Amino acid sequence: MRLLLITQDLDVGGPSVSQLPDFQVHAVAFNQLDFDQIVWENYEIVVVVLPAEYLKPLTALIPMRSPKLPIVLMASDVDRPSRISALRLGVADYIDGCVDSEELGARLRSVVRRSKGHSGPEIRSGSISLNLETGMVHVDGAPVYLTRRERQILNMLALYQGTPVSGVALSQVLYGLDQISESRAIRYHIFALRKKLRFGGRSKFYIENEIGRGYILP
C-alpha cells in the first residue's frame, strides 16, 4: 500500500510510520507541502503526524484530496474537542502517537480496506479467497503458496477489486514510490500468479488485463 506521510519534522514526526512493513511511504514536511503538486491517486492513505496547533491548517487538506482517500490523524497531544473536530471534518481515524507498530499497521490497513468498500479482511473472487491480514490464499478451499511479491500484487488487486490497477502502481507497491514506469518484472509476477491461481488445471485466468488501463481482479 502507498502511504503519504505529512509531518511537522521529517526527522522526528514519523519513524514508526516509515518503518511499517507492507507500506511504501512518501514523507513530506507540512511547511513544504504543495497541495497542487500532490497526485492523490498515487496513494491509498494519508497519515498526518502534527501537533494540535496544526489541526486548523489541516482543514485545507481535506477538500483537496481524492474523495475516497482516507486521512488518519496520529498524535499524542491532541485534546478531546480537537479530535472530535478533526473527525467531523472528515478524518477517517485518530490514532494515539504512542501506539505500537503492530497495532498501527493493523489499524491503517483496516482504514484502507474500509475506504475501498471491504468491511473485513477476507476478499473473494470466484473460487479465490484471500485474507489481507494473514496473507493466506485459497482456491476452491485448497491453500496456495505465494511469494512476497506475488502476495503484494494480489493484495493490491484485491483492494481495488473490479477496478484496473496500473502496472506503474503495482511497481510502486513492490519497488518504491519513485517508480514512474511499469517494471518488466510485473508481467513475470502476474504470469506466475495466474499459473498458481489456475489451481487444479483450470483454464480461466483470474487476473485480467485491460490494455492501457491495468490489471483487474474480477
N, C-alpha and C. Protein backbone atom coordinates (compact mmCIF):
# COMPACT_ATOMS: atom_id res chain seq x y z
N MET A 1 0.84 -1.19 0.00
CA MET A 1 0.00 0.00 0.00
C MET A 1 0.88 1.24 0.00
N ARG A 2 0.42 2.28 -0.66
CA ARG A 2 1.18 3.51 -0.80
C ARG A 2 0.65 4.56 0.17
N LEU A 3 1.54 5.10 0.98
CA LEU A 3 1.14 5.98 2.07
C LEU A 3 1.85 7.32 1.96
N LEU A 4 1.07 8.41 2.06
CA LEU A 4 1.62 9.75 2.12
C LEU A 4 1.67 10.18 3.58
N LEU A 5 2.87 10.46 4.09
CA LEU A 5 3.06 10.87 5.47
C LEU A 5 3.33 12.37 5.51
N ILE A 6 2.47 13.12 6.20
CA ILE A 6 2.64 14.56 6.37
C ILE A 6 2.98 14.81 7.83
N THR A 7 4.14 15.42 8.06
CA THR A 7 4.62 15.58 9.42
C THR A 7 5.25 16.94 9.61
N GLN A 8 5.39 17.36 10.87
CA GLN A 8 6.00 18.66 11.16
C GLN A 8 7.50 18.63 10.92
N ASP A 9 8.13 17.52 11.29
CA ASP A 9 9.58 17.39 11.19
C ASP A 9 9.90 16.00 10.64
N LEU A 10 10.54 15.94 9.49
CA LEU A 10 10.84 14.65 8.87
C LEU A 10 11.76 13.79 9.73
N ASP A 11 12.55 14.42 10.58
CA ASP A 11 13.47 13.66 11.42
C ASP A 11 12.82 13.15 12.70
N VAL A 12 11.66 13.74 13.05
CA VAL A 12 11.03 13.39 14.32
C VAL A 12 9.64 12.81 14.13
N GLY A 13 8.93 13.29 13.12
CA GLY A 13 7.50 13.07 13.06
C GLY A 13 7.01 11.69 12.72
N GLY A 14 7.78 10.86 12.01
CA GLY A 14 7.14 9.65 11.58
C GLY A 14 7.99 8.42 11.41
N PRO A 15 9.00 8.19 12.24
CA PRO A 15 9.79 6.98 12.06
C PRO A 15 8.96 5.72 12.17
N SER A 16 8.00 5.68 13.10
CA SER A 16 7.20 4.48 13.29
C SER A 16 6.35 4.18 12.07
N VAL A 17 5.88 5.22 11.39
CA VAL A 17 5.09 5.03 10.18
C VAL A 17 5.99 4.61 9.02
N SER A 18 7.14 5.25 8.89
CA SER A 18 8.05 4.99 7.77
C SER A 18 8.58 3.56 7.74
N GLN A 19 8.60 2.92 8.91
CA GLN A 19 9.18 1.59 9.01
C GLN A 19 8.16 0.46 8.97
N LEU A 20 6.90 0.79 8.69
CA LEU A 20 5.87 -0.23 8.66
C LEU A 20 6.06 -1.17 7.47
N PRO A 21 5.97 -2.48 7.68
CA PRO A 21 6.00 -3.40 6.55
C PRO A 21 4.73 -3.28 5.71
N ASP A 22 4.82 -3.62 4.45
CA ASP A 22 3.69 -3.60 3.52
C ASP A 22 3.22 -2.19 3.16
N PHE A 23 3.97 -1.16 3.57
CA PHE A 23 3.63 0.21 3.18
C PHE A 23 4.84 0.85 2.50
N GLN A 24 4.60 1.46 1.34
CA GLN A 24 5.60 2.29 0.70
C GLN A 24 5.28 3.74 1.09
N VAL A 25 6.20 4.40 1.80
CA VAL A 25 5.90 5.68 2.43
C VAL A 25 6.62 6.83 1.73
N HIS A 26 5.87 7.88 1.43
CA HIS A 26 6.43 9.13 0.93
C HIS A 26 6.19 10.18 2.01
N ALA A 27 7.26 10.65 2.66
CA ALA A 27 7.15 11.60 3.76
C ALA A 27 7.38 13.03 3.26
N VAL A 28 6.52 13.97 3.72
CA VAL A 28 6.62 15.37 3.34
C VAL A 28 6.44 16.22 4.59
N ALA A 29 7.30 17.23 4.75
CA ALA A 29 7.15 18.18 5.85
C ALA A 29 5.98 19.11 5.55
N PHE A 30 5.17 19.42 6.58
CA PHE A 30 3.96 20.21 6.38
C PHE A 30 4.28 21.58 5.77
N ASN A 31 5.38 22.20 6.21
CA ASN A 31 5.70 23.55 5.71
C ASN A 31 6.24 23.52 4.28
N GLN A 32 6.49 22.33 3.74
CA GLN A 32 6.95 22.21 2.36
C GLN A 32 5.88 21.59 1.46
N LEU A 33 4.70 21.42 2.00
CA LEU A 33 3.64 20.73 1.27
C LEU A 33 3.03 21.65 0.22
N ASP A 34 2.98 21.18 -1.00
CA ASP A 34 2.35 21.90 -2.10
C ASP A 34 1.15 21.07 -2.56
N PHE A 35 -0.04 21.49 -2.12
CA PHE A 35 -1.24 20.73 -2.42
C PHE A 35 -1.44 20.52 -3.92
N ASP A 36 -1.06 21.52 -4.71
CA ASP A 36 -1.29 21.44 -6.16
C ASP A 36 -0.40 20.41 -6.84
N GLN A 37 0.70 20.05 -6.19
CA GLN A 37 1.64 19.11 -6.79
C GLN A 37 1.41 17.65 -6.39
N ILE A 38 0.52 17.45 -5.43
CA ILE A 38 0.28 16.08 -4.95
C ILE A 38 -0.66 15.34 -5.89
N VAL A 39 -0.26 14.18 -6.33
CA VAL A 39 -1.12 13.32 -7.15
C VAL A 39 -1.81 12.35 -6.18
N TRP A 40 -2.99 12.72 -5.74
CA TRP A 40 -3.67 11.96 -4.68
C TRP A 40 -3.92 10.52 -5.08
N GLU A 41 -4.11 10.28 -6.37
CA GLU A 41 -4.40 8.92 -6.84
C GLU A 41 -3.20 7.98 -6.65
N ASN A 42 -2.04 8.53 -6.31
CA ASN A 42 -0.85 7.70 -6.13
C ASN A 42 -0.77 7.07 -4.73
N TYR A 43 -1.79 7.32 -3.91
CA TYR A 43 -1.75 6.83 -2.53
C TYR A 43 -3.04 6.13 -2.15
N GLU A 44 -2.91 5.19 -1.20
CA GLU A 44 -4.09 4.52 -0.64
C GLU A 44 -4.51 5.16 0.69
N ILE A 45 -3.61 5.91 1.34
CA ILE A 45 -3.92 6.51 2.64
C ILE A 45 -2.97 7.67 2.90
N VAL A 46 -3.45 8.65 3.66
CA VAL A 46 -2.63 9.77 4.12
C VAL A 46 -2.60 9.74 5.65
N VAL A 47 -1.39 9.80 6.21
CA VAL A 47 -1.24 9.87 7.67
C VAL A 47 -0.64 11.22 8.03
N VAL A 48 -1.32 11.93 8.93
CA VAL A 48 -0.88 13.26 9.35
C VAL A 48 -0.36 13.16 10.78
N VAL A 49 0.91 13.48 10.99
CA VAL A 49 1.52 13.47 12.32
C VAL A 49 1.89 14.91 12.66
N LEU A 50 0.95 15.61 13.32
CA LEU A 50 1.13 17.02 13.62
C LEU A 50 0.61 17.34 15.02
N PRO A 51 1.18 18.34 15.70
CA PRO A 51 0.66 18.76 17.00
C PRO A 51 -0.67 19.49 16.84
N ALA A 52 -1.32 19.76 17.97
CA ALA A 52 -2.68 20.30 17.97
C ALA A 52 -2.79 21.62 17.21
N GLU A 53 -1.76 22.48 17.28
CA GLU A 53 -1.86 23.80 16.64
C GLU A 53 -1.90 23.73 15.12
N TYR A 54 -1.61 22.56 14.56
CA TYR A 54 -1.65 22.39 13.10
C TYR A 54 -3.00 21.87 12.61
N LEU A 55 -3.89 21.57 13.52
CA LEU A 55 -5.16 20.97 13.10
C LEU A 55 -5.98 21.91 12.23
N LYS A 56 -5.94 23.20 12.52
CA LYS A 56 -6.72 24.13 11.72
C LYS A 56 -6.24 24.17 10.27
N PRO A 57 -4.91 24.28 10.02
CA PRO A 57 -4.45 24.22 8.62
C PRO A 57 -4.80 22.90 7.94
N LEU A 58 -5.00 21.86 8.75
CA LEU A 58 -5.36 20.56 8.17
C LEU A 58 -6.67 20.62 7.41
N THR A 59 -7.55 21.56 7.80
CA THR A 59 -8.84 21.67 7.12
C THR A 59 -8.67 22.01 5.64
N ALA A 60 -7.54 22.64 5.29
CA ALA A 60 -7.30 22.96 3.88
C ALA A 60 -6.97 21.73 3.08
N LEU A 61 -6.46 20.69 3.75
CA LEU A 61 -6.05 19.47 3.06
C LEU A 61 -7.24 18.62 2.64
N ILE A 62 -8.25 18.57 3.49
CA ILE A 62 -9.34 17.60 3.31
C ILE A 62 -10.11 17.80 2.00
N PRO A 63 -10.53 19.02 1.63
CA PRO A 63 -11.29 19.16 0.38
C PRO A 63 -10.48 18.90 -0.87
N MET A 64 -9.14 18.92 -0.77
CA MET A 64 -8.30 18.80 -1.95
C MET A 64 -7.93 17.37 -2.30
N ARG A 65 -8.17 16.46 -1.37
CA ARG A 65 -7.77 15.08 -1.62
C ARG A 65 -8.80 14.39 -2.51
N SER A 66 -8.44 13.21 -3.01
CA SER A 66 -9.42 12.40 -3.72
C SER A 66 -10.53 12.03 -2.74
N PRO A 67 -11.78 12.01 -3.19
CA PRO A 67 -12.91 11.79 -2.28
C PRO A 67 -12.80 10.52 -1.44
N LYS A 68 -12.23 9.45 -2.00
CA LYS A 68 -12.18 8.18 -1.28
C LYS A 68 -10.83 7.92 -0.61
N LEU A 69 -9.95 8.92 -0.61
CA LEU A 69 -8.63 8.76 0.01
C LEU A 69 -8.73 9.09 1.50
N PRO A 70 -8.54 8.09 2.38
CA PRO A 70 -8.70 8.35 3.82
C PRO A 70 -7.51 9.08 4.43
N ILE A 71 -7.81 9.97 5.38
CA ILE A 71 -6.79 10.68 6.13
C ILE A 71 -6.86 10.23 7.58
N VAL A 72 -5.72 9.85 8.14
CA VAL A 72 -5.64 9.43 9.54
C VAL A 72 -4.78 10.43 10.29
N LEU A 73 -5.28 10.89 11.43
CA LEU A 73 -4.53 11.80 12.29
C LEU A 73 -3.83 10.98 13.37
N MET A 74 -2.53 11.20 13.51
CA MET A 74 -1.74 10.47 14.51
C MET A 74 -1.00 11.48 15.38
N ALA A 75 -1.33 11.50 16.67
CA ALA A 75 -0.70 12.45 17.59
C ALA A 75 -0.91 11.98 19.02
N SER A 76 -0.11 12.55 19.94
CA SER A 76 -0.21 12.19 21.36
C SER A 76 -0.71 13.33 22.22
N ASP A 77 -0.75 14.55 21.67
CA ASP A 77 -1.05 15.72 22.50
C ASP A 77 -2.29 16.47 22.03
N VAL A 78 -3.21 15.78 21.40
CA VAL A 78 -4.41 16.42 20.88
C VAL A 78 -5.55 16.21 21.87
N ASP A 79 -6.19 17.30 22.30
CA ASP A 79 -7.26 17.18 23.28
C ASP A 79 -8.53 16.63 22.64
N ARG A 80 -9.46 16.22 23.49
CA ARG A 80 -10.68 15.56 23.02
C ARG A 80 -11.49 16.43 22.05
N PRO A 81 -11.75 17.73 22.36
CA PRO A 81 -12.52 18.55 21.41
C PRO A 81 -11.86 18.65 20.03
N SER A 82 -10.51 18.73 20.02
CA SER A 82 -9.81 18.82 18.73
C SER A 82 -9.92 17.52 17.95
N ARG A 83 -9.85 16.39 18.67
CA ARG A 83 -10.00 15.09 17.99
C ARG A 83 -11.38 14.96 17.38
N ILE A 84 -12.39 15.36 18.15
CA ILE A 84 -13.77 15.28 17.64
C ILE A 84 -13.94 16.20 16.43
N SER A 85 -13.37 17.40 16.51
CA SER A 85 -13.46 18.34 15.40
C SER A 85 -12.82 17.77 14.15
N ALA A 86 -11.65 17.14 14.31
CA ALA A 86 -10.97 16.55 13.15
C ALA A 86 -11.80 15.45 12.52
N LEU A 87 -12.42 14.61 13.35
CA LEU A 87 -13.26 13.53 12.83
C LEU A 87 -14.47 14.09 12.09
N ARG A 88 -15.04 15.16 12.61
CA ARG A 88 -16.19 15.78 11.95
C ARG A 88 -15.80 16.41 10.62
N LEU A 89 -14.54 16.85 10.52
CA LEU A 89 -14.07 17.45 9.27
C LEU A 89 -13.86 16.43 8.16
N GLY A 90 -13.76 15.16 8.55
CA GLY A 90 -13.58 14.12 7.53
C GLY A 90 -12.40 13.21 7.75
N VAL A 91 -11.66 13.40 8.87
CA VAL A 91 -10.57 12.49 9.18
C VAL A 91 -11.15 11.10 9.45
N ALA A 92 -10.54 10.07 8.85
CA ALA A 92 -11.09 8.71 8.95
C ALA A 92 -10.88 8.09 10.32
N ASP A 93 -9.78 8.47 11.00
CA ASP A 93 -9.50 7.87 12.30
C ASP A 93 -8.46 8.72 13.02
N TYR A 94 -8.47 8.60 14.36
CA TYR A 94 -7.43 9.21 15.18
C TYR A 94 -6.68 8.09 15.88
N ILE A 95 -5.34 8.12 15.79
CA ILE A 95 -4.52 7.09 16.41
C ILE A 95 -3.53 7.77 17.35
N ASP A 96 -3.49 7.28 18.58
CA ASP A 96 -2.55 7.82 19.56
C ASP A 96 -1.11 7.58 19.10
N GLY A 97 -0.28 8.59 19.23
CA GLY A 97 1.09 8.50 18.75
C GLY A 97 1.95 7.49 19.49
N CYS A 98 1.46 7.01 20.64
CA CYS A 98 2.24 6.04 21.43
C CYS A 98 1.92 4.58 21.06
N VAL A 99 1.05 4.38 20.09
CA VAL A 99 0.65 3.03 19.73
C VAL A 99 1.85 2.25 19.17
N ASP A 100 1.88 0.95 19.42
CA ASP A 100 2.99 0.16 18.90
C ASP A 100 2.82 -0.11 17.41
N SER A 101 3.90 -0.50 16.73
CA SER A 101 3.91 -0.62 15.28
C SER A 101 2.93 -1.69 14.77
N GLU A 102 2.75 -2.78 15.52
CA GLU A 102 1.85 -3.85 15.08
C GLU A 102 0.41 -3.35 15.03
N GLU A 103 -0.02 -2.65 16.11
CA GLU A 103 -1.39 -2.12 16.12
C GLU A 103 -1.54 -1.01 15.08
N LEU A 104 -0.51 -0.17 14.94
CA LEU A 104 -0.57 0.91 13.96
C LEU A 104 -0.79 0.36 12.56
N GLY A 105 0.00 -0.65 12.18
CA GLY A 105 -0.16 -1.25 10.86
C GLY A 105 -1.53 -1.85 10.66
N ALA A 106 -2.03 -2.55 11.68
CA ALA A 106 -3.35 -3.19 11.59
C ALA A 106 -4.45 -2.14 11.42
N ARG A 107 -4.35 -1.04 12.16
CA ARG A 107 -5.38 -0.01 12.07
C ARG A 107 -5.34 0.73 10.73
N LEU A 108 -4.14 0.98 10.23
CA LEU A 108 -4.05 1.65 8.93
C LEU A 108 -4.57 0.76 7.82
N ARG A 109 -4.24 -0.53 7.87
CA ARG A 109 -4.74 -1.45 6.85
C ARG A 109 -6.27 -1.54 6.91
N SER A 110 -6.81 -1.50 8.13
CA SER A 110 -8.26 -1.55 8.29
C SER A 110 -8.93 -0.32 7.68
N VAL A 111 -8.32 0.85 7.89
CA VAL A 111 -8.86 2.09 7.31
C VAL A 111 -8.85 2.01 5.79
N VAL A 112 -7.75 1.52 5.22
CA VAL A 112 -7.65 1.41 3.76
C VAL A 112 -8.71 0.45 3.23
N ARG A 113 -8.86 -0.69 3.89
CA ARG A 113 -9.87 -1.67 3.43
C ARG A 113 -11.26 -1.06 3.42
N ARG A 114 -11.63 -0.40 4.50
CA ARG A 114 -12.97 0.20 4.59
C ARG A 114 -13.16 1.27 3.51
N SER A 115 -12.11 2.02 3.20
CA SER A 115 -12.22 3.07 2.19
C SER A 115 -12.47 2.48 0.80
N LYS A 116 -12.09 1.22 0.60
CA LYS A 116 -12.30 0.55 -0.69
C LYS A 116 -13.58 -0.29 -0.68
N GLY A 117 -14.35 -0.21 0.41
CA GLY A 117 -15.62 -0.91 0.45
C GLY A 117 -15.57 -2.31 1.02
N HIS A 118 -14.46 -2.69 1.65
CA HIS A 118 -14.33 -4.03 2.23
C HIS A 118 -14.51 -3.94 3.74
N SER A 119 -15.55 -4.57 4.26
CA SER A 119 -15.83 -4.48 5.70
C SER A 119 -14.89 -5.34 6.53
N GLY A 120 -14.34 -6.40 5.93
CA GLY A 120 -13.44 -7.29 6.65
C GLY A 120 -12.21 -7.61 5.83
N PRO A 121 -11.28 -8.38 6.40
CA PRO A 121 -10.03 -8.68 5.70
C PRO A 121 -10.15 -9.71 4.59
N GLU A 122 -11.23 -10.50 4.57
CA GLU A 122 -11.35 -11.56 3.57
C GLU A 122 -12.06 -11.06 2.32
N ILE A 123 -11.44 -11.31 1.18
CA ILE A 123 -12.00 -10.89 -0.11
C ILE A 123 -12.09 -12.13 -0.99
N ARG A 124 -13.22 -12.25 -1.68
CA ARG A 124 -13.45 -13.40 -2.55
C ARG A 124 -13.60 -12.94 -3.99
N SER A 125 -13.06 -13.75 -4.90
CA SER A 125 -13.23 -13.54 -6.33
C SER A 125 -13.39 -14.92 -6.96
N GLY A 126 -14.62 -15.25 -7.31
CA GLY A 126 -14.86 -16.60 -7.82
C GLY A 126 -14.51 -17.63 -6.77
N SER A 127 -13.64 -18.56 -7.12
CA SER A 127 -13.24 -19.61 -6.18
C SER A 127 -12.00 -19.22 -5.37
N ILE A 128 -11.53 -17.97 -5.55
CA ILE A 128 -10.37 -17.49 -4.81
C ILE A 128 -10.82 -16.82 -3.52
N SER A 129 -10.14 -17.15 -2.42
CA SER A 129 -10.37 -16.50 -1.14
C SER A 129 -9.03 -15.96 -0.65
N LEU A 130 -8.99 -14.66 -0.33
CA LEU A 130 -7.76 -14.00 0.10
C LEU A 130 -8.01 -13.26 1.40
N ASN A 131 -7.14 -13.49 2.38
CA ASN A 131 -7.21 -12.74 3.64
C ASN A 131 -6.08 -11.71 3.64
N LEU A 132 -6.45 -10.43 3.64
CA LEU A 132 -5.47 -9.36 3.52
C LEU A 132 -4.60 -9.22 4.77
N GLU A 133 -5.06 -9.73 5.90
CA GLU A 133 -4.28 -9.63 7.12
C GLU A 133 -3.29 -10.79 7.27
N THR A 134 -3.76 -11.99 7.04
CA THR A 134 -2.89 -13.16 7.22
C THR A 134 -2.07 -13.47 5.98
N GLY A 135 -2.54 -12.98 4.80
CA GLY A 135 -1.86 -13.29 3.55
C GLY A 135 -2.21 -14.66 3.00
N MET A 136 -3.12 -15.37 3.67
CA MET A 136 -3.49 -16.70 3.21
C MET A 136 -4.38 -16.62 1.97
N VAL A 137 -4.08 -17.48 0.99
CA VAL A 137 -4.85 -17.54 -0.25
C VAL A 137 -5.32 -18.98 -0.45
N HIS A 138 -6.60 -19.14 -0.79
CA HIS A 138 -7.15 -20.46 -1.07
C HIS A 138 -7.88 -20.42 -2.42
N VAL A 139 -7.76 -21.49 -3.16
CA VAL A 139 -8.52 -21.67 -4.39
C VAL A 139 -9.31 -22.96 -4.24
N ASP A 140 -10.64 -22.84 -4.33
CA ASP A 140 -11.52 -23.99 -4.09
C ASP A 140 -11.23 -24.64 -2.74
N GLY A 141 -10.88 -23.81 -1.75
CA GLY A 141 -10.65 -24.30 -0.41
C GLY A 141 -9.25 -24.84 -0.15
N ALA A 142 -8.44 -24.97 -1.18
CA ALA A 142 -7.08 -25.50 -1.02
C ALA A 142 -6.09 -24.34 -0.92
N PRO A 143 -5.14 -24.39 0.01
CA PRO A 143 -4.17 -23.30 0.17
C PRO A 143 -3.22 -23.21 -1.02
N VAL A 144 -2.86 -21.99 -1.36
CA VAL A 144 -1.93 -21.72 -2.45
C VAL A 144 -0.79 -20.88 -1.90
N TYR A 145 0.45 -21.33 -2.11
CA TYR A 145 1.60 -20.59 -1.61
C TYR A 145 1.99 -19.50 -2.62
N LEU A 146 2.15 -18.28 -2.11
CA LEU A 146 2.59 -17.16 -2.94
C LEU A 146 3.88 -16.58 -2.37
N THR A 147 4.74 -16.08 -3.23
CA THR A 147 5.91 -15.36 -2.77
C THR A 147 5.46 -14.00 -2.22
N ARG A 148 6.38 -13.30 -1.56
CA ARG A 148 6.05 -11.99 -1.00
C ARG A 148 5.61 -11.03 -2.10
N ARG A 149 6.30 -11.00 -3.21
CA ARG A 149 5.95 -10.11 -4.31
C ARG A 149 4.58 -10.45 -4.88
N GLU A 150 4.32 -11.73 -5.07
CA GLU A 150 3.03 -12.16 -5.60
C GLU A 150 1.90 -11.78 -4.65
N ARG A 151 2.15 -11.93 -3.36
CA ARG A 151 1.11 -11.58 -2.37
C ARG A 151 0.85 -10.08 -2.38
N GLN A 152 1.91 -9.28 -2.51
CA GLN A 152 1.73 -7.82 -2.55
C GLN A 152 0.88 -7.41 -3.75
N ILE A 153 1.14 -8.03 -4.90
CA ILE A 153 0.36 -7.71 -6.10
C ILE A 153 -1.09 -8.13 -5.93
N LEU A 154 -1.31 -9.35 -5.44
CA LEU A 154 -2.68 -9.83 -5.28
C LEU A 154 -3.44 -9.00 -4.26
N ASN A 155 -2.78 -8.60 -3.17
CA ASN A 155 -3.42 -7.74 -2.17
C ASN A 155 -3.88 -6.43 -2.81
N MET A 156 -3.03 -5.84 -3.63
CA MET A 156 -3.36 -4.57 -4.27
C MET A 156 -4.54 -4.74 -5.23
N LEU A 157 -4.51 -5.81 -6.02
CA LEU A 157 -5.62 -6.07 -6.95
C LEU A 157 -6.91 -6.34 -6.19
N ALA A 158 -6.80 -7.02 -5.05
CA ALA A 158 -7.99 -7.32 -4.25
C ALA A 158 -8.59 -6.06 -3.63
N LEU A 159 -7.73 -5.15 -3.19
CA LEU A 159 -8.22 -3.88 -2.63
C LEU A 159 -9.08 -3.13 -3.64
N TYR A 160 -8.62 -3.14 -4.90
CA TYR A 160 -9.31 -2.43 -5.98
C TYR A 160 -10.16 -3.39 -6.81
N GLN A 161 -10.66 -4.42 -6.21
CA GLN A 161 -11.39 -5.47 -6.93
C GLN A 161 -12.41 -4.89 -7.90
N GLY A 162 -12.31 -5.32 -9.17
CA GLY A 162 -13.23 -4.84 -10.19
C GLY A 162 -12.77 -3.57 -10.89
N THR A 163 -11.67 -2.98 -10.43
CA THR A 163 -11.14 -1.74 -11.00
C THR A 163 -9.71 -1.96 -11.48
N PRO A 164 -9.33 -1.49 -12.66
CA PRO A 164 -7.97 -1.70 -13.15
C PRO A 164 -6.93 -1.03 -12.25
N VAL A 165 -5.83 -1.74 -12.00
CA VAL A 165 -4.69 -1.19 -11.28
C VAL A 165 -3.52 -1.16 -12.26
N SER A 166 -2.95 0.01 -12.46
CA SER A 166 -1.92 0.16 -13.48
C SER A 166 -0.64 -0.58 -13.09
N GLY A 167 0.15 -0.90 -14.11
CA GLY A 167 1.44 -1.53 -13.88
C GLY A 167 2.38 -0.63 -13.09
N VAL A 168 2.23 0.69 -13.27
CA VAL A 168 3.06 1.64 -12.52
C VAL A 168 2.72 1.56 -11.03
N ALA A 169 1.41 1.52 -10.71
CA ALA A 169 1.00 1.42 -9.30
C ALA A 169 1.54 0.15 -8.66
N LEU A 170 1.46 -0.97 -9.39
CA LEU A 170 1.99 -2.23 -8.86
C LEU A 170 3.49 -2.16 -8.68
N SER A 171 4.18 -1.49 -9.61
CA SER A 171 5.63 -1.33 -9.48
C SER A 171 5.98 -0.51 -8.25
N GLN A 172 5.18 0.52 -7.97
CA GLN A 172 5.42 1.35 -6.79
C GLN A 172 5.23 0.56 -5.50
N VAL A 173 4.22 -0.30 -5.49
CA VAL A 173 3.97 -1.12 -4.30
C VAL A 173 5.13 -2.07 -4.04
N LEU A 174 5.71 -2.60 -5.10
CA LEU A 174 6.80 -3.56 -4.96
C LEU A 174 8.16 -2.91 -4.74
N TYR A 175 8.43 -1.82 -5.47
CA TYR A 175 9.80 -1.32 -5.55
C TYR A 175 9.99 0.10 -5.05
N GLY A 176 8.91 0.78 -4.66
CA GLY A 176 9.06 2.13 -4.13
C GLY A 176 8.33 3.17 -4.95
N LEU A 177 8.01 4.30 -4.29
CA LEU A 177 7.19 5.32 -4.92
C LEU A 177 7.93 6.15 -5.96
N ASP A 178 9.23 5.92 -6.11
CA ASP A 178 9.97 6.65 -7.14
C ASP A 178 9.84 5.98 -8.52
N GLN A 179 9.12 4.87 -8.59
CA GLN A 179 8.89 4.20 -9.87
C GLN A 179 7.91 5.03 -10.71
N ILE A 180 8.32 5.40 -11.92
CA ILE A 180 7.43 6.20 -12.76
C ILE A 180 7.00 5.44 -14.02
N SER A 181 7.46 4.22 -14.15
CA SER A 181 7.04 3.39 -15.28
C SER A 181 6.89 1.95 -14.79
N GLU A 182 6.18 1.16 -15.57
CA GLU A 182 5.94 -0.23 -15.17
C GLU A 182 7.23 -1.04 -15.26
N SER A 183 7.55 -1.73 -14.17
CA SER A 183 8.72 -2.60 -14.17
C SER A 183 8.44 -3.84 -15.03
N ARG A 184 9.45 -4.30 -15.74
CA ARG A 184 9.28 -5.51 -16.56
C ARG A 184 8.96 -6.72 -15.70
N ALA A 185 9.38 -6.65 -14.43
CA ALA A 185 9.14 -7.78 -13.53
C ALA A 185 7.66 -7.99 -13.23
N ILE A 186 6.85 -6.94 -13.39
CA ILE A 186 5.42 -7.06 -13.08
C ILE A 186 4.78 -8.14 -13.94
N ARG A 187 5.10 -8.15 -15.22
CA ARG A 187 4.49 -9.14 -16.11
C ARG A 187 4.89 -10.55 -15.70
N TYR A 188 6.13 -10.70 -15.26
CA TYR A 188 6.58 -12.02 -14.78
C TYR A 188 5.78 -12.44 -13.54
N HIS A 189 5.61 -11.53 -12.58
CA HIS A 189 4.86 -11.86 -11.36
C HIS A 189 3.39 -12.15 -11.68
N ILE A 190 2.81 -11.39 -12.60
CA ILE A 190 1.41 -11.64 -13.00
C ILE A 190 1.29 -13.01 -13.64
N PHE A 191 2.23 -13.36 -14.49
CA PHE A 191 2.23 -14.68 -15.13
C PHE A 191 2.28 -15.78 -14.07
N ALA A 192 3.17 -15.61 -13.08
CA ALA A 192 3.30 -16.62 -12.02
C ALA A 192 2.03 -16.71 -11.19
N LEU A 193 1.41 -15.56 -10.91
CA LEU A 193 0.16 -15.56 -10.14
C LEU A 193 -0.95 -16.29 -10.89
N ARG A 194 -1.09 -15.98 -12.17
CA ARG A 194 -2.12 -16.64 -12.98
C ARG A 194 -1.91 -18.15 -12.97
N LYS A 195 -0.69 -18.57 -13.10
CA LYS A 195 -0.39 -20.01 -13.13
C LYS A 195 -0.79 -20.68 -11.82
N LYS A 196 -0.49 -20.02 -10.69
CA LYS A 196 -0.82 -20.60 -9.39
C LYS A 196 -2.32 -20.58 -9.11
N LEU A 197 -3.00 -19.55 -9.61
CA LEU A 197 -4.43 -19.43 -9.34
C LEU A 197 -5.28 -20.28 -10.28
N ARG A 198 -4.67 -20.85 -11.32
CA ARG A 198 -5.38 -21.82 -12.16
C ARG A 198 -5.27 -23.19 -11.51
N PHE A 199 -5.52 -23.24 -10.25
CA PHE A 199 -5.33 -24.46 -9.44
C PHE A 199 -6.17 -25.60 -10.00
N GLY A 200 -5.58 -26.77 -10.05
CA GLY A 200 -6.33 -27.96 -10.47
C GLY A 200 -6.56 -28.03 -11.96
N GLY A 201 -5.73 -27.31 -12.75
CA GLY A 201 -5.84 -27.40 -14.20
C GLY A 201 -6.92 -26.54 -14.79
N ARG A 202 -7.46 -25.61 -14.02
CA ARG A 202 -8.48 -24.71 -14.57
C ARG A 202 -7.85 -23.84 -15.67
N SER A 203 -8.63 -23.50 -16.66
CA SER A 203 -8.10 -22.74 -17.79
C SER A 203 -8.38 -21.24 -17.66
N LYS A 204 -9.27 -20.86 -16.74
CA LYS A 204 -9.65 -19.45 -16.64
C LYS A 204 -8.55 -18.62 -15.99
N PHE A 205 -8.25 -17.45 -16.58
CA PHE A 205 -7.32 -16.50 -15.96
C PHE A 205 -8.08 -15.67 -14.94
N TYR A 206 -7.65 -15.70 -13.72
CA TYR A 206 -8.35 -14.94 -12.69
C TYR A 206 -7.93 -13.47 -12.70
N ILE A 207 -6.79 -13.16 -13.25
CA ILE A 207 -6.33 -11.77 -13.34
C ILE A 207 -6.43 -11.33 -14.79
N GLU A 208 -7.28 -10.36 -15.04
CA GLU A 208 -7.49 -9.88 -16.40
C GLU A 208 -6.60 -8.68 -16.68
N ASN A 209 -6.34 -8.44 -17.95
CA ASN A 209 -5.51 -7.31 -18.37
C ASN A 209 -6.31 -6.43 -19.31
N GLU A 210 -6.54 -5.19 -18.90
CA GLU A 210 -7.21 -4.22 -19.75
C GLU A 210 -6.12 -3.34 -20.35
N ILE A 211 -5.85 -3.52 -21.62
CA ILE A 211 -4.74 -2.84 -22.27
C ILE A 211 -4.88 -1.33 -22.12
N GLY A 212 -3.82 -0.70 -21.65
CA GLY A 212 -3.81 0.74 -21.47
C GLY A 212 -4.34 1.21 -20.14
N ARG A 213 -4.95 0.27 -19.36
CA ARG A 213 -5.52 0.67 -18.07
C ARG A 213 -4.89 -0.08 -16.90
N GLY A 214 -4.69 -1.39 -17.06
CA GLY A 214 -4.06 -2.13 -15.98
C GLY A 214 -4.63 -3.52 -15.79
N TYR A 215 -4.34 -4.09 -14.63
CA TYR A 215 -4.74 -5.46 -14.30
C TYR A 215 -5.94 -5.43 -13.35
N ILE A 216 -6.83 -6.43 -13.53
CA ILE A 216 -8.08 -6.45 -12.75
C ILE A 216 -8.29 -7.82 -12.12
N LEU A 217 -8.67 -7.81 -10.86
CA LEU A 217 -9.18 -8.99 -10.21
C LEU A 217 -10.70 -8.86 -10.21
N PRO A 218 -11.41 -9.70 -10.96
CA PRO A 218 -12.86 -9.55 -11.09
C PRO A 218 -13.60 -9.77 -9.77
